[in-house]
């Protein structure tokens, strides 16, 4: 009986841990990094700043109503007044302790002149799309990806 319990517990532990992924995205000039923790129903975004005034530095986006096939986030480094701007389409921001003077976090794309969601700014210089399902950024070289737990 004890062996069955240990086997069952080990199986549950492995299955539970396999649903967690963690990535560290670093800007090409190494001036900024962002950690993304991928959980089944939410994503945790953590700014890894070294500045002391960023004591509270994370946000959570719930994905309860988002398809598992839509696993991209769109990021621009140093966009205007922001250190980074991040869009996770379709999610719901459930917690945002980021300093909104420096970080822009949204769940909707800007709209084009026809009123349709437009992601083209994320395909310009300094911006990229990060696919969390595979752990890669497009275009290549737009960020340094470290797969911490995959």
Foldseek 3Di string as FASTA:
>chain_A
DVVVVVVVVVVVVVVQQVQWWKKWKAALVRQWIWIWIGHPFKIKIFTPHPDPVPPDGIWMWGRPPPDPVQQKKKKAAPDPQARMEIEQAPTHTPDDPHDVSHYHYYHFADADPVRHHDDVVQVDQRMWMAGPVVGDIPPPSSIDMDTPRD
